[in-house]
């Protein structure tokens, strides 16, 4: 390949690189998690409690989620997944699962 041919191909390569950078800057992690949520064979639960906000909600195909210590956690809004990833144990209260709603406590 001559230098001239290489220079002519450079704008196309830079445009492709710019597209990849724009996609990543727009939230690559969120896109990957959303894709995982929509392609997983695991059925969505009827309700979930966000470990960050402690709110109960109905997850749908766009709900972000992560697996930590073999358990799947669903998040009520974008951003909660990033907070959880930074320090999961602080949101899980030392690893203890919260009691189910309506369950009797000893």
N, C-alpha and C. Protein backbone atom coordinates (compact mmCIF):
# COMPACT_ATOMS: atom_id res chain seq x y z
N UNK A 1 0.86 -1.17 0.00
CA UNK A 1 0.00 0.00 0.00
C UNK A 1 0.90 1.23 0.00
N UNK A 2 0.56 2.15 -0.85
CA UNK A 2 1.36 3.37 -0.96
C UNK A 2 0.93 4.34 0.14
N UNK A 3 1.76 5.32 0.35
CA UNK A 3 1.46 6.35 1.34
C UNK A 3 0.19 7.11 0.96
N UNK A 4 -0.01 7.37 -0.31
CA UNK A 4 -1.18 8.10 -0.78
C UNK A 4 -2.46 7.29 -0.50
N UNK A 5 -2.42 5.99 -0.75
CA UNK A 5 -3.59 5.14 -0.49
C UNK A 5 -3.91 5.13 1.01
N UNK A 6 -2.87 5.04 1.82
CA UNK A 6 -3.07 5.05 3.27
C UNK A 6 -3.69 6.37 3.72
N UNK A 7 -3.25 7.47 3.16
CA UNK A 7 -3.79 8.78 3.53
C UNK A 7 -5.24 8.93 3.08
N UNK A 8 -5.59 8.33 1.95
CA UNK A 8 -6.97 8.41 1.47
C UNK A 8 -7.91 7.59 2.36
N UNK A 9 -7.43 6.53 2.96
CA UNK A 9 -8.25 5.69 3.84
C UNK A 9 -8.36 6.25 5.25
N UNK A 10 -7.50 7.16 5.60
CA UNK A 10 -7.46 7.71 6.95
C UNK A 10 -8.77 8.36 7.37
N UNK A 11 -9.44 9.19 6.57
CA UNK A 11 -10.71 9.80 7.02
C UNK A 11 -11.78 8.77 7.35
N UNK A 12 -11.86 7.70 6.58
CA UNK A 12 -12.85 6.66 6.83
C UNK A 12 -12.55 5.97 8.17
N UNK A 13 -11.28 5.68 8.41
CA UNK A 13 -10.90 5.04 9.67
C UNK A 13 -11.18 5.96 10.86
N UNK A 14 -10.89 7.24 10.71
CA UNK A 14 -11.16 8.18 11.80
C UNK A 14 -12.65 8.33 12.06
N UNK A 15 -13.45 8.30 11.01
CA UNK A 15 -14.90 8.40 11.18
C UNK A 15 -15.42 7.20 11.96
N UNK A 16 -14.94 6.01 11.63
CA UNK A 16 -15.36 4.81 12.35
C UNK A 16 -14.92 4.88 13.81
N UNK A 17 -13.73 5.34 14.06
CA UNK A 17 -13.23 5.49 15.43
C UNK A 17 -14.07 6.51 16.19
N UNK A 18 -14.45 7.60 15.53
CA UNK A 18 -15.30 8.61 16.17
C UNK A 18 -16.65 8.05 16.54
N UNK A 19 -17.21 7.19 15.70
CA UNK A 19 -18.50 6.56 15.98
C UNK A 19 -18.39 5.67 17.22
N UNK A 20 -17.35 4.89 17.29
CA UNK A 20 -17.14 4.03 18.45
C UNK A 20 -16.99 4.87 19.72
N UNK A 21 -16.23 5.94 19.64
CA UNK A 21 -16.04 6.81 20.80
C UNK A 21 -17.35 7.45 21.23
N UNK A 22 -18.18 7.85 20.28
CA UNK A 22 -19.46 8.47 20.61
C UNK A 22 -20.39 7.47 21.30
N UNK A 23 -20.38 6.25 20.84
CA UNK A 23 -21.21 5.22 21.47
C UNK A 23 -20.75 4.98 22.90
N UNK A 24 -19.46 4.87 23.10
CA UNK A 24 -18.93 4.63 24.45
C UNK A 24 -19.19 5.82 25.37
N UNK A 25 -19.04 7.02 24.87
CA UNK A 25 -19.28 8.20 25.69
C UNK A 25 -20.74 8.32 26.08
N UNK A 26 -21.62 7.76 25.26
CA UNK A 26 -23.05 7.83 25.53
C UNK A 26 -23.53 6.81 26.53
N UNK A 27 -22.65 5.99 27.06
CA UNK A 27 -23.06 5.04 28.08
C UNK A 27 -22.93 3.59 27.67
N UNK A 28 -21.73 3.20 27.30
CA UNK A 28 -21.49 1.82 26.90
C UNK A 28 -21.96 0.85 27.98
N UNK A 29 -21.63 1.13 29.23
CA UNK A 29 -22.01 0.21 30.31
C UNK A 29 -23.51 0.03 30.40
N UNK A 30 -24.26 1.12 30.32
CA UNK A 30 -25.72 1.03 30.40
C UNK A 30 -26.27 0.24 29.23
N UNK A 31 -25.70 0.44 28.04
CA UNK A 31 -26.18 -0.30 26.87
C UNK A 31 -25.92 -1.78 27.04
N UNK A 32 -24.75 -2.13 27.58
CA UNK A 32 -24.43 -3.54 27.77
C UNK A 32 -25.35 -4.16 28.80
N UNK A 33 -25.63 -3.45 29.90
CA UNK A 33 -26.52 -4.00 30.91
C UNK A 33 -27.93 -4.12 30.39
N UNK A 34 -28.37 -3.13 29.63
CA UNK A 34 -29.72 -3.21 29.08
C UNK A 34 -29.80 -4.37 28.11
N UNK A 35 -28.77 -4.57 27.31
CA UNK A 35 -28.78 -5.70 26.37
C UNK A 35 -28.82 -7.00 27.15
N UNK A 36 -28.08 -7.08 28.25
CA UNK A 36 -28.11 -8.29 29.06
C UNK A 36 -29.49 -8.53 29.63
N UNK A 37 -30.16 -7.44 30.02
CA UNK A 37 -31.49 -7.58 30.59
C UNK A 37 -32.50 -8.07 29.56
N UNK A 38 -32.33 -7.69 28.32
CA UNK A 38 -33.31 -8.07 27.31
C UNK A 38 -33.00 -9.41 26.65
N UNK A 39 -31.76 -9.89 26.76
CA UNK A 39 -31.42 -11.14 26.10
C UNK A 39 -31.28 -12.30 27.06
N UNK A 40 -31.38 -12.06 28.34
CA UNK A 40 -31.23 -13.12 29.31
C UNK A 40 -32.42 -14.06 29.30
N UNK A 41 -32.14 -15.35 29.54
CA UNK A 41 -33.21 -16.34 29.59
C UNK A 41 -33.92 -16.29 30.95
N UNK A 42 -33.31 -15.62 31.92
CA UNK A 42 -33.89 -15.52 33.25
C UNK A 42 -35.14 -14.64 33.21
N UNK A 43 -36.27 -15.17 33.68
CA UNK A 43 -37.50 -14.34 33.67
C UNK A 43 -37.40 -13.21 34.69
N UNK A 44 -38.07 -12.11 34.39
CA UNK A 44 -38.08 -10.97 35.30
C UNK A 44 -39.02 -11.26 36.46
N UNK A 45 -38.65 -10.84 37.67
CA UNK A 45 -39.54 -11.02 38.82
C UNK A 45 -40.74 -10.08 38.73
N UNK A 46 -41.80 -10.41 39.44
CA UNK A 46 -42.99 -9.55 39.49
C UNK A 46 -42.67 -8.20 40.13
N UNK A 47 -41.80 -8.22 41.14
CA UNK A 47 -41.36 -6.97 41.77
C UNK A 47 -39.93 -7.15 42.26
N UNK A 48 -39.26 -6.04 42.45
CA UNK A 48 -37.88 -6.05 42.94
C UNK A 48 -37.69 -4.84 43.83
N UNK A 49 -36.71 -4.93 44.70
CA UNK A 49 -36.36 -3.80 45.56
C UNK A 49 -34.97 -3.34 45.18
N UNK A 50 -34.85 -2.08 44.81
CA UNK A 50 -33.56 -1.50 44.45
C UNK A 50 -32.69 -1.47 45.70
N UNK A 51 -31.49 -2.08 45.67
CA UNK A 51 -30.65 -2.09 46.87
C UNK A 51 -30.12 -0.70 47.25
N UNK A 52 -30.14 0.23 46.33
CA UNK A 52 -29.64 1.58 46.60
C UNK A 52 -30.73 2.46 47.20
N UNK A 53 -31.87 2.56 46.52
CA UNK A 53 -32.95 3.45 46.95
C UNK A 53 -33.93 2.76 47.90
N UNK A 54 -33.86 1.45 47.98
CA UNK A 54 -34.76 0.65 48.83
C UNK A 54 -36.22 0.77 48.39
N UNK A 55 -36.44 1.15 47.13
CA UNK A 55 -37.81 1.27 46.62
C UNK A 55 -38.19 -0.02 45.89
N UNK A 56 -39.47 -0.37 45.97
CA UNK A 56 -39.98 -1.55 45.29
C UNK A 56 -40.60 -1.11 43.97
N UNK A 57 -40.32 -1.87 42.91
CA UNK A 57 -40.82 -1.52 41.59
C UNK A 57 -40.97 -2.78 40.76
N UNK A 58 -41.63 -2.66 39.60
CA UNK A 58 -41.80 -3.77 38.67
C UNK A 58 -40.75 -3.66 37.58
N UNK A 59 -39.79 -4.58 37.54
CA UNK A 59 -38.76 -4.53 36.50
C UNK A 59 -39.34 -4.83 35.12
N UNK A 60 -38.77 -4.18 34.10
CA UNK A 60 -39.15 -4.48 32.72
C UNK A 60 -37.88 -4.74 31.91
N UNK A 61 -38.01 -4.88 30.62
CA UNK A 61 -36.87 -5.22 29.77
C UNK A 61 -35.76 -4.17 29.80
N UNK A 62 -36.09 -2.92 30.13
CA UNK A 62 -35.07 -1.87 30.15
C UNK A 62 -34.43 -1.68 31.52
N UNK A 63 -34.87 -2.43 32.51
CA UNK A 63 -34.34 -2.31 33.87
C UNK A 63 -32.89 -2.78 33.92
N UNK A 64 -32.02 -1.95 34.50
CA UNK A 64 -30.62 -2.37 34.64
C UNK A 64 -30.52 -3.33 35.80
N UNK A 65 -29.56 -4.24 35.69
CA UNK A 65 -29.36 -5.23 36.74
C UNK A 65 -27.92 -5.68 36.73
N UNK A 66 -27.53 -6.31 37.82
CA UNK A 66 -26.19 -6.87 37.93
C UNK A 66 -26.25 -8.11 38.80
N UNK A 67 -25.24 -8.94 38.68
CA UNK A 67 -25.14 -10.12 39.52
C UNK A 67 -23.97 -9.91 40.46
N UNK A 68 -24.23 -10.11 41.73
CA UNK A 68 -23.19 -9.96 42.75
C UNK A 68 -23.32 -11.14 43.69
N UNK A 69 -22.23 -11.86 43.88
CA UNK A 69 -22.21 -13.05 44.73
C UNK A 69 -23.35 -14.01 44.36
N UNK A 70 -23.47 -14.26 43.07
CA UNK A 70 -24.44 -15.21 42.50
C UNK A 70 -25.90 -14.80 42.68
N UNK A 71 -26.17 -13.55 43.02
CA UNK A 71 -27.53 -13.08 43.15
C UNK A 71 -27.74 -11.90 42.21
N UNK A 72 -28.90 -11.85 41.56
CA UNK A 72 -29.22 -10.76 40.64
C UNK A 72 -29.92 -9.64 41.39
N UNK A 73 -29.42 -8.42 41.20
CA UNK A 73 -30.01 -7.23 41.80
C UNK A 73 -30.51 -6.33 40.68
N UNK A 74 -31.72 -5.80 40.85
CA UNK A 74 -32.35 -4.91 39.88
C UNK A 74 -32.34 -3.50 40.44
N UNK A 75 -32.20 -2.50 39.54
CA UNK A 75 -32.09 -1.11 39.96
C UNK A 75 -33.24 -0.28 39.41
N UNK A 76 -33.78 0.60 40.26
CA UNK A 76 -34.97 1.37 39.91
C UNK A 76 -34.70 2.45 38.88
N UNK A 77 -33.48 2.93 38.79
CA UNK A 77 -33.19 4.01 37.85
C UNK A 77 -31.72 3.97 37.45
N UNK A 78 -31.40 4.59 36.30
CA UNK A 78 -30.00 4.66 35.89
C UNK A 78 -29.19 5.42 36.94
N UNK A 79 -28.04 4.95 37.22
CA UNK A 79 -27.19 5.58 38.23
C UNK A 79 -27.10 4.73 39.48
N UNK A 80 -28.20 4.08 39.85
CA UNK A 80 -28.15 3.23 41.04
C UNK A 80 -27.19 2.06 40.83
N UNK A 81 -27.13 1.55 39.59
CA UNK A 81 -26.23 0.44 39.31
C UNK A 81 -24.77 0.85 39.49
N UNK A 82 -24.45 2.09 39.14
CA UNK A 82 -23.07 2.57 39.30
C UNK A 82 -22.73 2.77 40.78
N UNK A 83 -23.68 3.30 41.55
CA UNK A 83 -23.45 3.46 42.98
C UNK A 83 -23.25 2.11 43.64
N UNK A 84 -24.08 1.14 43.26
CA UNK A 84 -23.98 -0.21 43.82
C UNK A 84 -22.64 -0.84 43.46
N UNK A 85 -22.22 -0.71 42.21
CA UNK A 85 -20.97 -1.31 41.76
C UNK A 85 -19.77 -0.75 42.51
N UNK A 86 -19.84 0.51 42.92
CA UNK A 86 -18.73 1.14 43.63
C UNK A 86 -18.53 0.55 45.03
N UNK A 87 -19.60 0.14 45.69
CA UNK A 87 -19.49 -0.41 47.05
C UNK A 87 -20.72 -1.25 47.39
N UNK A 88 -20.84 -2.44 46.81
CA UNK A 88 -22.04 -3.26 47.00
C UNK A 88 -22.37 -3.56 48.46
N UNK A 89 -21.37 -3.86 49.25
CA UNK A 89 -21.61 -4.26 50.64
C UNK A 89 -22.27 -3.16 51.46
N UNK A 90 -21.99 -1.89 51.13
CA UNK A 90 -22.61 -0.81 51.89
C UNK A 90 -24.12 -0.76 51.65
N UNK A 91 -24.57 -1.25 50.50
CA UNK A 91 -26.00 -1.26 50.19
C UNK A 91 -26.69 -2.55 50.61
N UNK A 92 -25.89 -3.56 50.90
CA UNK A 92 -26.48 -4.85 51.27
C UNK A 92 -26.47 -5.07 52.77
N UNK A 93 -25.95 -4.15 53.52
CA UNK A 93 -25.96 -4.27 54.97
C UNK A 93 -25.14 -5.46 55.45
N UNK A 94 -23.93 -5.61 54.91
CA UNK A 94 -23.06 -6.68 55.35
C UNK A 94 -23.44 -8.03 54.75
N UNK A 95 -24.20 -8.03 53.68
CA UNK A 95 -24.53 -9.28 53.00
C UNK A 95 -25.84 -9.90 53.43
N UNK A 96 -26.52 -9.31 54.42
CA UNK A 96 -27.80 -9.86 54.85
C UNK A 96 -28.88 -9.43 53.87
N UNK A 97 -29.67 -10.38 53.43
CA UNK A 97 -30.78 -10.05 52.52
C UNK A 97 -31.92 -9.45 53.32
N UNK A 98 -32.59 -8.43 52.80
CA UNK A 98 -33.72 -7.85 53.53
C UNK A 98 -34.87 -8.87 53.60
N UNK A 99 -35.63 -8.80 54.68
CA UNK A 99 -36.77 -9.70 54.84
C UNK A 99 -37.81 -9.41 53.77
N UNK A 100 -38.47 -10.45 53.30
CA UNK A 100 -39.52 -10.27 52.30
C UNK A 100 -40.67 -9.50 52.91
N UNK A 101 -41.37 -8.73 52.10
CA UNK A 101 -42.50 -7.95 52.61
C UNK A 101 -43.56 -8.89 53.16
N UNK A 102 -44.06 -8.59 54.34
CA UNK A 102 -45.10 -9.40 54.96
C UNK A 102 -44.57 -10.62 55.70
N UNK A 103 -43.26 -10.83 55.65
CA UNK A 103 -42.69 -12.00 56.33
C UNK A 103 -42.55 -11.69 57.82
N UNK A 104 -42.79 -12.69 58.62
CA UNK A 104 -42.65 -12.53 60.07
C UNK A 104 -41.16 -12.50 60.41
N UNK A 105 -40.78 -11.64 61.35
CA UNK A 105 -39.38 -11.57 61.79
C UNK A 105 -39.31 -12.09 63.20
N UNK A 106 -38.24 -12.82 63.53
CA UNK A 106 -38.12 -13.41 64.89
C UNK A 106 -37.92 -12.38 65.95
